[in-house]
Amino acid sequence: MRVYTINFHSQALEDIKKLKKSDKNSFKKLEKLLEELQAHPYSGTGKPEQLKYENKGEWSRRISQKHRLIYTVNDQEISVWVLAAQGHYGDK
């Protein structure tokens, strides 16, 4: 089984810090989603969805009704880049 390396954009790291302080339940859900990304970035919980239009090439999973995990997948490098973890797409 391939294990994807998880990398974090600086915006995602800021989002994760904010979630950890303000929304413990969402933070716990985020931890589970990140574990899943290592094994299967295209399927699993959080309703994985490939984004369209200006976000083409990015994927989204629901952390909560308010927050989404946004990421890209590179199958050649077996890596995932987490771009954002708070808000709903561009809504901040």
PDB file of N, CA and C in Angstrom:
ATOM      1  N   MET A   1       0.839  -1.175   0.000  1.00  0.00           N
ATOM      2  CA  MET A   1       0.000   0.000   0.000  1.00  0.00           C
ATOM      3  C   MET A   1       0.890   1.246   0.000  1.00  0.00           C
ATOM      4  N   ARG A   2       0.541   2.208  -0.863  1.00  0.00           N
ATOM      5  CA  ARG A   2       1.286   3.465  -0.932  1.00  0.00           C
ATOM      6  C   ARG A   2       0.866   4.377   0.217  1.00  0.00           C
ATOM      7  N   VAL A   3       1.836   5.027   0.807  1.00  0.00           N
ATOM      8  CA  VAL A   3       1.567   6.002   1.862  1.00  0.00           C
ATOM      9  C   VAL A   3       1.998   7.370   1.333  1.00  0.00           C
ATOM     10  N   TYR A   4       1.055   8.279   1.258  1.00  0.00           N
ATOM     11  CA  TYR A   4       1.317   9.625   0.765  1.00  0.00           C
ATOM     12  C   TYR A   4       1.947  10.477   1.866  1.00  0.00           C
ATOM     13  N   THR A   5       2.918  11.284   1.490  1.00  0.00           N
ATOM     14  CA  THR A   5       3.528  12.258   2.388  1.00  0.00           C
ATOM     15  C   THR A   5       2.618  13.480   2.439  1.00  0.00           C
ATOM     16  N   ILE A   6       2.344  13.989   3.626  1.00  0.00           N
ATOM     17  CA  ILE A   6       1.487  15.164   3.791  1.00  0.00           C
ATOM     18  C   ILE A   6       2.370  16.394   4.010  1.00  0.00           C
ATOM     19  N   ASN A   7       2.183  17.418   3.175  1.00  0.00           N
ATOM     20  CA  ASN A   7       2.889  18.692   3.282  1.00  0.00           C
ATOM     21  C   ASN A   7       1.860  19.787   3.530  1.00  0.00           C
ATOM     22  N   PHE A   8       2.280  20.855   4.182  1.00  0.00           N
ATOM     23  CA  PHE A   8       1.347  21.923   4.542  1.00  0.00           C
ATOM     24  C   PHE A   8       1.799  23.273   4.008  1.00  0.00           C
ATOM     25  N   HIS A   9       0.915  23.935   3.288  1.00  0.00           N
ATOM     26  CA  HIS A   9       1.124  25.319   2.867  1.00  0.00           C
ATOM     27  C   HIS A   9       1.036  26.189   4.122  1.00  0.00           C
ATOM     28  N   SER A  10       1.688  27.337   4.128  1.00  0.00           N
ATOM     29  CA  SER A  10       1.686  28.201   5.314  1.00  0.00           C
ATOM     30  C   SER A  10       0.272  28.612   5.723  1.00  0.00           C
ATOM     31  N   GLN A  11      -0.618  28.841   4.744  1.00  0.00           N
ATOM     32  CA  GLN A  11      -2.006  29.200   5.064  1.00  0.00           C
ATOM     33  C   GLN A  11      -2.697  28.060   5.811  1.00  0.00           C
ATOM     34  N   ALA A  12      -2.437  26.836   5.402  1.00  0.00           N
ATOM     35  CA  ALA A  12      -3.041  25.682   6.068  1.00  0.00           C
ATOM     36  C   ALA A  12      -2.565  25.579   7.517  1.00  0.00           C
ATOM     37  N   LEU A  13      -1.291  25.839   7.751  1.00  0.00           N
ATOM     38  CA  LEU A  13      -0.774  25.783   9.124  1.00  0.00           C
ATOM     39  C   LEU A  13      -1.447  26.827  10.008  1.00  0.00           C
ATOM     40  N   GLU A  14      -1.665  28.026   9.470  1.00  0.00           N
ATOM     41  CA  GLU A  14      -2.382  29.063  10.223  1.00  0.00           C
ATOM     42  C   GLU A  14      -3.812  28.620  10.517  1.00  0.00           C
ATOM     43  N   ASP A  15      -4.472  28.053   9.499  1.00  0.00           N
ATOM     44  CA  ASP A  15      -5.852  27.588   9.667  1.00  0.00           C
ATOM     45  C   ASP A  15      -5.948  26.521  10.749  1.00  0.00           C
ATOM     46  N   ILE A  16      -5.003  25.590  10.748  1.00  0.00           N
ATOM     47  CA  ILE A  16      -5.012  24.495  11.716  1.00  0.00           C
ATOM     48  C   ILE A  16      -4.834  25.037  13.138  1.00  0.00           C
ATOM     49  N   LYS A  17      -3.944  26.010  13.306  1.00  0.00           N
ATOM     50  CA  LYS A  17      -3.758  26.625  14.631  1.00  0.00           C
ATOM     51  C   LYS A  17      -5.051  27.273  15.115  1.00  0.00           C
ATOM     52  N   LYS A  18      -5.733  27.983  14.212  1.00  0.00           N
ATOM     53  CA  LYS A  18      -6.993  28.641  14.573  1.00  0.00           C
ATOM     54  C   LYS A  18      -8.059  27.617  14.957  1.00  0.00           C
ATOM     55  N   LEU A  19      -8.148  26.528  14.168  1.00  0.00           N
ATOM     56  CA  LEU A  19      -9.131  25.485  14.478  1.00  0.00           C
ATOM     57  C   LEU A  19      -8.846  24.851  15.832  1.00  0.00           C
ATOM     58  N   LYS A  20      -7.581  24.600  16.107  1.00  0.00           N
ATOM     59  CA  LYS A  20      -7.209  23.959  17.369  1.00  0.00           C
ATOM     60  C   LYS A  20      -7.652  24.810  18.559  1.00  0.00           C
ATOM     61  N   LYS A  21      -7.546  26.137  18.427  1.00  0.00           N
ATOM     62  CA  LYS A  21      -7.939  27.039  19.512  1.00  0.00           C
ATOM     63  C   LYS A  21      -9.446  27.225  19.606  1.00  0.00           C
ATOM     64  N   SER A  22     -10.115  27.329  18.466  1.00  0.00           N
ATOM     65  CA  SER A  22     -11.513  27.771  18.472  1.00  0.00           C
ATOM     66  C   SER A  22     -12.556  26.668  18.319  1.00  0.00           C
ATOM     67  N   ASP A  23     -12.177  25.508  17.767  1.00  0.00           N
ATOM     68  CA  ASP A  23     -13.178  24.479  17.462  1.00  0.00           C
ATOM     69  C   ASP A  23     -12.556  23.091  17.635  1.00  0.00           C
ATOM     70  N   LYS A  24     -12.562  22.600  18.864  1.00  0.00           N
ATOM     71  CA  LYS A  24     -11.908  21.321  19.189  1.00  0.00           C
ATOM     72  C   LYS A  24     -12.478  20.143  18.397  1.00  0.00           C
ATOM     73  N   ASN A  25     -13.804  20.109  18.208  1.00  0.00           N
ATOM     74  CA  ASN A  25     -14.414  19.005  17.462  1.00  0.00           C
ATOM     75  C   ASN A  25     -13.947  18.988  16.014  1.00  0.00           C
ATOM     76  N   SER A  26     -13.901  20.153  15.396  1.00  0.00           N
ATOM     77  CA  SER A  26     -13.423  20.232  14.012  1.00  0.00           C
ATOM     78  C   SER A  26     -11.951  19.851  13.933  1.00  0.00           C
ATOM     79  N   PHE A  27     -11.176  20.239  14.929  1.00  0.00           N
ATOM     80  CA  PHE A  27      -9.761  19.890  14.943  1.00  0.00           C
ATOM     81  C   PHE A  27      -9.575  18.372  15.016  1.00  0.00           C
ATOM     82  N   LYS A  28     -10.359  17.700  15.846  1.00  0.00           N
ATOM     83  CA  LYS A  28     -10.285  16.233  15.944  1.00  0.00           C
ATOM     84  C   LYS A  28     -10.662  15.580  14.617  1.00  0.00           C
ATOM     85  N   LYS A  29     -11.700  16.098  13.969  1.00  0.00           N
ATOM     86  CA  LYS A  29     -12.119  15.569  12.665  1.00  0.00           C
ATOM     87  C   LYS A  29     -11.010  15.790  11.641  1.00  0.00           C
ATOM     88  N   LEU A  30     -10.381  16.943  11.682  1.00  0.00           N
ATOM     89  CA  LEU A  30      -9.276  17.247  10.776  1.00  0.00           C
ATOM     90  C   LEU A  30      -8.139  16.244  10.951  1.00  0.00           C
ATOM     91  N   GLU A  31      -7.813  15.909  12.190  1.00  0.00           N
ATOM     92  CA  GLU A  31      -6.753  14.925  12.443  1.00  0.00           C
ATOM     93  C   GLU A  31      -7.077  13.591  11.776  1.00  0.00           C
ATOM     94  N   LYS A  32      -8.333  13.159  11.868  1.00  0.00           N
ATOM     95  CA  LYS A  32      -8.747  11.903  11.232  1.00  0.00           C
ATOM     96  C   LYS A  32      -8.647  11.994   9.715  1.00  0.00           C
ATOM     97  N   LEU A  33      -9.064  13.130   9.156  1.00  0.00           N
ATOM     98  CA  LEU A  33      -9.001  13.313   7.707  1.00  0.00           C
ATOM     99  C   LEU A  33      -7.556  13.291   7.211  1.00  0.00           C
ATOM    100  N   LEU A  34      -6.655  13.907   7.951  1.00  0.00           N
ATOM    101  CA  LEU A  34      -5.247  13.913   7.556  1.00  0.00           C
ATOM    102  C   LEU A  34      -4.658  12.505   7.580  1.00  0.00           C
ATOM    103  N   GLU A  35      -5.049  11.697   8.558  1.00  0.00           N
ATOM    104  CA  GLU A  35      -4.608  10.294   8.596  1.00  0.00           C
ATOM    105  C   GLU A  35      -5.095   9.554   7.359  1.00  0.00           C
ATOM    106  N   GLU A  36      -6.355   9.775   6.991  1.00  0.00           N
ATOM    107  CA  GLU A  36      -6.922   9.121   5.811  1.00  0.00           C
ATOM    108  C   GLU A  36      -6.212   9.537   4.534  1.00  0.00           C
ATOM    109  N   LEU A  37      -5.824  10.807   4.445  1.00  0.00           N
ATOM    110  CA  LEU A  37      -5.156  11.300   3.239  1.00  0.00           C
ATOM    111  C   LEU A  37      -3.885  10.521   2.942  1.00  0.00           C
ATOM    112  N   GLN A  38      -3.197  10.069   3.972  1.00  0.00           N
ATOM    113  CA  GLN A  38      -1.962   9.313   3.769  1.00  0.00           C
ATOM    114  C   GLN A  38      -2.216   8.010   3.022  1.00  0.00           C
ATOM    115  N   ALA A  39      -3.346   7.397   3.254  1.00  0.00           N
ATOM    116  CA  ALA A  39      -3.644   6.104   2.643  1.00  0.00           C
ATOM    117  C   ALA A  39      -4.437   6.233   1.346  1.00  0.00           C
ATOM    118  N   HIS A  40      -5.431   7.105   1.338  1.00  0.00           N
ATOM    119  CA  HIS A  40      -6.288   7.223   0.148  1.00  0.00           C
ATOM    120  C   HIS A  40      -6.845   8.639   0.011  1.00  0.00           C
ATOM    121  N   PRO A  41      -6.128   9.487  -0.718  1.00  0.00           N
ATOM    122  CA  PRO A  41      -6.535  10.891  -0.834  1.00  0.00           C
ATOM    123  C   PRO A  41      -7.783  11.135  -1.681  1.00  0.00           C
ATOM    124  N   TYR A  42      -8.214  10.147  -2.451  1.00  0.00           N
ATOM    125  CA  TYR A  42      -9.358  10.345  -3.346  1.00  0.00           C
ATOM    126  C   TYR A  42     -10.671   9.783  -2.811  1.00  0.00           C
ATOM    127  N   SER A  43     -10.638   9.079  -1.693  1.00  0.00           N
ATOM    128  CA  SER A  43     -11.864   8.475  -1.163  1.00  0.00           C
ATOM    129  C   SER A  43     -11.813   8.491   0.363  1.00  0.00           C
ATOM    130  N   GLY A  44     -12.950   8.186   0.980  1.00  0.00           N
ATOM    131  CA  GLY A  44     -13.000   8.137   2.434  1.00  0.00           C
ATOM    132  C   GLY A  44     -14.046   9.074   2.994  1.00  0.00           C
ATOM    133  N   THR A  45     -13.885   9.455   4.251  1.00  0.00           N
ATOM    134  CA  THR A  45     -14.871  10.308   4.909  1.00  0.00           C
ATOM    135  C   THR A  45     -14.675  11.766   4.507  1.00  0.00           C
ATOM    136  N   GLY A  46     -15.650  12.581   4.844  1.00  0.00           N
ATOM    137  CA  GLY A  46     -15.579  13.997   4.531  1.00  0.00           C
ATOM    138  C   GLY A  46     -16.025  14.332   3.119  1.00  0.00           C
ATOM    139  N   LYS A  47     -16.624  13.376   2.433  1.00  0.00           N
ATOM    140  CA  LYS A  47     -17.116  13.567   1.064  1.00  0.00           C
ATOM    141  C   LYS A  47     -16.048  14.167   0.140  1.00  0.00           C
ATOM    142  N   PRO A  48     -14.979  13.425  -0.150  1.00  0.00           N
ATOM    143  CA  PRO A  48     -13.943  13.948  -1.044  1.00  0.00           C
ATOM    144  C   PRO A  48     -14.555  14.368  -2.380  1.00  0.00           C
ATOM    145  N   GLU A  49     -14.173  15.546  -2.836  1.00  0.00           N
ATOM    146  CA  GLU A  49     -14.749  16.096  -4.057  1.00  0.00           C
ATOM    147  C   GLU A  49     -13.663  16.836  -4.825  1.00  0.00           C
ATOM    148  N   GLN A  50     -13.540  16.512  -6.125  1.00  0.00           N
ATOM    149  CA  GLN A  50     -12.606  17.252  -6.962  1.00  0.00           C
ATOM    150  C   GLN A  50     -13.247  18.583  -7.325  1.00  0.00           C
ATOM    151  N   LEU A  51     -12.516  19.666  -7.105  1.00  0.00           N
ATOM    152  CA  LEU A  51     -13.065  20.996  -7.334  1.00  0.00           C
ATOM    153  C   LEU A  51     -12.974  21.383  -8.808  1.00  0.00           C
ATOM    154  N   LYS A  52     -13.743  22.392  -9.189  1.00  0.00           N
ATOM    155  CA  LYS A  52     -13.841  22.820 -10.587  1.00  0.00           C
ATOM    156  C   LYS A  52     -13.473  24.290 -10.715  1.00  0.00           C
ATOM    157  N   TYR A  53     -13.496  24.738 -11.961  1.00  0.00           N
ATOM    158  CA  TYR A  53     -13.311  26.145 -12.308  1.00  0.00           C
ATOM    159  C   TYR A  53     -11.971  26.668 -11.809  1.00  0.00           C
ATOM    160  N   GLU A  54     -11.954  27.757 -11.038  1.00  0.00           N
ATOM    161  CA  GLU A  54     -10.673  28.348 -10.621  1.00  0.00           C
ATOM    162  C   GLU A  54      -9.916  27.459  -9.636  1.00  0.00           C
ATOM    163  N   ASN A  55     -10.572  26.465  -9.074  1.00  0.00           N
ATOM    164  CA  ASN A  55      -9.926  25.538  -8.131  1.00  0.00           C
ATOM    165  C   ASN A  55      -9.653  24.171  -8.759  1.00  0.00           C
ATOM    166  N   LYS A  56      -9.670  24.106 -10.086  1.00  0.00           N
ATOM    167  CA  LYS A  56      -9.437  22.836 -10.784  1.00  0.00           C
ATOM    168  C   LYS A  56      -8.083  22.255 -10.358  1.00  0.00           C
ATOM    169  N   GLY A  57      -8.055  20.968 -10.116  1.00  0.00           N
ATOM    170  CA  GLY A  57      -6.837  20.302  -9.663  1.00  0.00           C
ATOM    171  C   GLY A  57      -6.763  20.161  -8.152  1.00  0.00           C
ATOM    172  N   GLU A  58      -7.669  20.828  -7.462  1.00  0.00           N
ATOM    173  CA  GLU A  58      -7.716  20.748  -6.004  1.00  0.00           C
ATOM    174  C   GLU A  58      -8.849  19.832  -5.568  1.00  0.00           C
ATOM    175  N   TRP A  59      -8.707  19.298  -4.366  1.00  0.00           N
ATOM    176  CA  TRP A  59      -9.713  18.430  -3.763  1.00  0.00           C
ATOM    177  C   TRP A  59     -10.208  19.046  -2.466  1.00  0.00           C
ATOM    178  N   SER A  60     -11.408  18.661  -2.069  1.00  0.00           N
ATOM    179  CA  SER A  60     -12.013  19.182  -0.844  1.00  0.00           C
ATOM    180  C   SER A  60     -12.616  18.035  -0.045  1.00  0.00           C
ATOM    181  N   ARG A  61     -12.516  18.143   1.263  1.00  0.00           N
ATOM    182  CA  ARG A  61     -13.215  17.242   2.189  1.00  0.00           C
ATOM    183  C   ARG A  61     -13.855  18.094   3.266  1.00  0.00           C
ATOM    184  N   ARG A  62     -15.022  17.679   3.723  1.00  0.00           N
ATOM    185  CA  ARG A  62     -15.709  18.410   4.781  1.00  0.00           C
ATOM    186  C   ARG A  62     -15.082  18.116   6.133  1.00  0.00           C
ATOM    187  N   ILE A  63     -14.693  19.177   6.824  1.00  0.00           N
ATOM    188  CA  ILE A  63     -14.268  19.051   8.217  1.00  0.00           C
ATOM    189  C   ILE A  63     -15.514  19.210   9.082  1.00  0.00           C
ATOM    190  N   SER A  64     -16.314  20.218   8.738  1.00  0.00           N
ATOM    191  CA  SER A  64     -17.583  20.501   9.414  1.00  0.00           C
ATOM    192  C   SER A  64     -18.475  21.208   8.396  1.00  0.00           C
ATOM    193  N   GLN A  65     -19.647  21.599   8.825  1.00  0.00           N
ATOM    194  CA  GLN A  65     -20.531  22.319   7.917  1.00  0.00           C
ATOM    195  C   GLN A  65     -19.882  23.629   7.455  1.00  0.00           C
ATOM    196  N   LYS A  66     -19.087  24.217   8.323  1.00  0.00           N
ATOM    197  CA  LYS A  66     -18.471  25.515   8.036  1.00  0.00           C
ATOM    198  C   LYS A  66     -17.098  25.409   7.373  1.00  0.00           C
ATOM    199  N   HIS A  67     -16.337  24.367   7.683  1.00  0.00           N
ATOM    200  CA  HIS A  67     -14.939  24.290   7.262  1.00  0.00           C
ATOM    201  C   HIS A  67     -14.675  23.150   6.283  1.00  0.00           C
ATOM    202  N   ARG A  68     -13.721  23.406   5.373  1.00  0.00           N
ATOM    203  CA  ARG A  68     -13.297  22.417   4.392  1.00  0.00           C
ATOM    204  C   ARG A  68     -11.781  22.270   4.435  1.00  0.00           C
ATOM    205  N   LEU A  69     -11.328  21.058   4.143  1.00  0.00           N
ATOM    206  CA  LEU A  69      -9.911  20.780   3.962  1.00  0.00           C
ATOM    207  C   LEU A  69      -9.668  20.823   2.451  1.00  0.00           C
ATOM    208  N   ILE A  70      -8.793  21.706   1.996  1.00  0.00           N
ATOM    209  CA  ILE A  70      -8.498  21.850   0.573  1.00  0.00           C
ATOM    210  C   ILE A  70      -7.072  21.362   0.340  1.00  0.00           C
ATOM    211  N   TYR A  71      -6.890  20.506  -0.685  1.00  0.00           N
ATOM    212  CA  TYR A  71      -5.574  19.917  -0.914  1.00  0.00           C
ATOM    213  C   TYR A  71      -5.382  19.530  -2.373  1.00  0.00           C
ATOM    214  N   THR A  72      -4.129  19.315  -2.747  1.00  0.00           N
ATOM    215  CA  THR A  72      -3.790  18.787  -4.061  1.00  0.00           C
ATOM    216  C   THR A  72      -3.052  17.466  -3.852  1.00  0.00           C
ATOM    217  N   VAL A  73      -3.093  16.621  -4.878  1.00  0.00           N
ATOM    218  CA  VAL A  73      -2.446  15.311  -4.804  1.00  0.00           C
ATOM    219  C   VAL A  73      -1.461  15.188  -5.964  1.00  0.00           C
ATOM    220  N   ASN A  74      -0.253  14.723  -5.680  1.00  0.00           N
ATOM    221  CA  ASN A  74       0.738  14.445  -6.708  1.00  0.00           C
ATOM    222  C   ASN A  74       1.046  12.952  -6.635  1.00  0.00           C
ATOM    223  N   ASP A  75       0.481  12.187  -7.573  1.00  0.00           N
ATOM    224  CA  ASP A  75       0.656  10.732  -7.558  1.00  0.00           C
ATOM    225  C   ASP A  75       2.078  10.309  -7.932  1.00  0.00           C
ATOM    226  N   GLN A  76       2.779  11.117  -8.734  1.00  0.00           N
ATOM    227  CA  GLN A  76       4.154  10.769  -9.103  1.00  0.00           C
ATOM    228  C   GLN A  76       5.080  10.859  -7.885  1.00  0.00           C
ATOM    229  N   GLU A  77       4.904  11.894  -7.080  1.00  0.00           N
ATOM    230  CA  GLU A  77       5.734  12.074  -5.887  1.00  0.00           C
ATOM    231  C   GLU A  77       5.137  11.396  -4.653  1.00  0.00           C
ATOM    232  N   ILE A  78       3.934  10.854  -4.791  1.00  0.00           N
ATOM    233  CA  ILE A  78       3.193  10.234  -3.688  1.00  0.00           C
ATOM    234  C   ILE A  78       3.113  11.222  -2.520  1.00  0.00           C
ATOM    235  N   SER A  79       2.578  12.406  -2.833  1.00  0.00           N
ATOM    236  CA  SER A  79       2.472  13.444  -1.813  1.00  0.00           C
ATOM    237  C   SER A  79       1.149  14.193  -1.924  1.00  0.00           C
ATOM    238  N   VAL A  80       0.763  14.786  -0.814  1.00  0.00           N
ATOM    239  CA  VAL A  80      -0.433  15.622  -0.725  1.00  0.00           C
ATOM    240  C   VAL A  80       0.005  16.964  -0.159  1.00  0.00           C
ATOM    241  N   TRP A  81      -0.454  18.049  -0.780  1.00  0.00           N
ATOM    242  CA  TRP A  81      -0.215  19.395  -0.254  1.00  0.00           C
ATOM    243  C   TRP A  81      -1.519  19.926   0.284  1.00  0.00           C
ATOM    244  N   VAL A  82      -1.572  20.188   1.580  1.00  0.00           N
ATOM    245  CA  VAL A  82      -2.758  20.779   2.204  1.00  0.00           C
ATOM    246  C   VAL A  82      -2.645  22.294   2.032  1.00  0.00           C
ATOM    247  N   LEU A  83      -3.659  22.885   1.379  1.00  0.00           N
ATOM    248  CA  LEU A  83      -3.632  24.312   1.061  1.00  0.00           C
ATOM    249  C   LEU A  83      -4.377  25.159   2.083  1.00  0.00           C
ATOM    250  N   ALA A  84      -5.486  24.627   2.604  1.00  0.00           N
ATOM    251  CA  ALA A  84      -6.312  25.378   3.557  1.00  0.00           C
ATOM    252  C   ALA A  84      -7.109  24.397   4.405  1.00  0.00           C
ATOM    253  N   ALA A  85      -7.505  24.851   5.595  1.00  0.00           N
ATOM    254  CA  ALA A  85      -8.258  23.972   6.500  1.00  0.00           C
ATOM    255  C   ALA A  85      -9.302  24.743   7.290  1.00  0.00           C
ATOM    256  N   GLN A  86      -9.709  25.882   6.766  1.00  0.00           N
ATOM    257  CA  GLN A  86     -10.717  26.660   7.478  1.00  0.00           C
ATOM    258  C   GLN A  86     -11.530  27.435   6.457  1.00  0.00           C
ATOM    259  N   GLY A  87     -12.798  27.602   6.741  1.00  0.00           N
ATOM    260  CA  GLY A  87     -13.674  28.298   5.810  1.00  0.00           C
ATOM    261  C   GLY A  87     -14.245  27.334   4.789  1.00  0.00           C
ATOM    262  N   HIS A  88     -14.945  27.884   3.833  1.00  0.00           N
ATOM    263  CA  HIS A  88     -15.582  27.097   2.783  1.00  0.00           C
ATOM    264  C   HIS A  88     -15.074  27.628   1.461  1.00  0.00           C
ATOM    265  N   TYR A  89     -14.078  26.938   0.872  1.00  0.00           N
ATOM    266  CA  TYR A  89     -13.385  27.363  -0.343  1.00  0.00           C
ATOM    267  C   TYR A  89     -12.818  28.760  -0.130  1.00  0.00           C
ATOM    268  N   GLY A  90     -13.226  29.767  -0.849  1.00  0.00           N
ATOM    269  CA  GLY A  90     -12.657  31.104  -0.728  1.00  0.00           C
ATOM    270  C   GLY A  90     -13.227  31.936   0.398  1.00  0.00           C
ATOM    271  N   ASP A  91     -14.252  31.460   1.091  1.00  0.00           N
ATOM    272  CA  ASP A  91     -14.889  32.235   2.164  1.00  0.00           C
ATOM    273  C   ASP A  91     -14.014  32.212   3.405  1.00  0.00           C
ATOM    274  N   LYS A  92     -13.508  33.349   3.806  1.00  0.00           N
ATOM    275  CA  LYS A  92     -12.685  33.431   5.021  1.00  0.00           C
ATOM    276  C   LYS A  92     -13.251  34.484   5.917  1.00  0.00           C
TER     277      LYS A  92
END
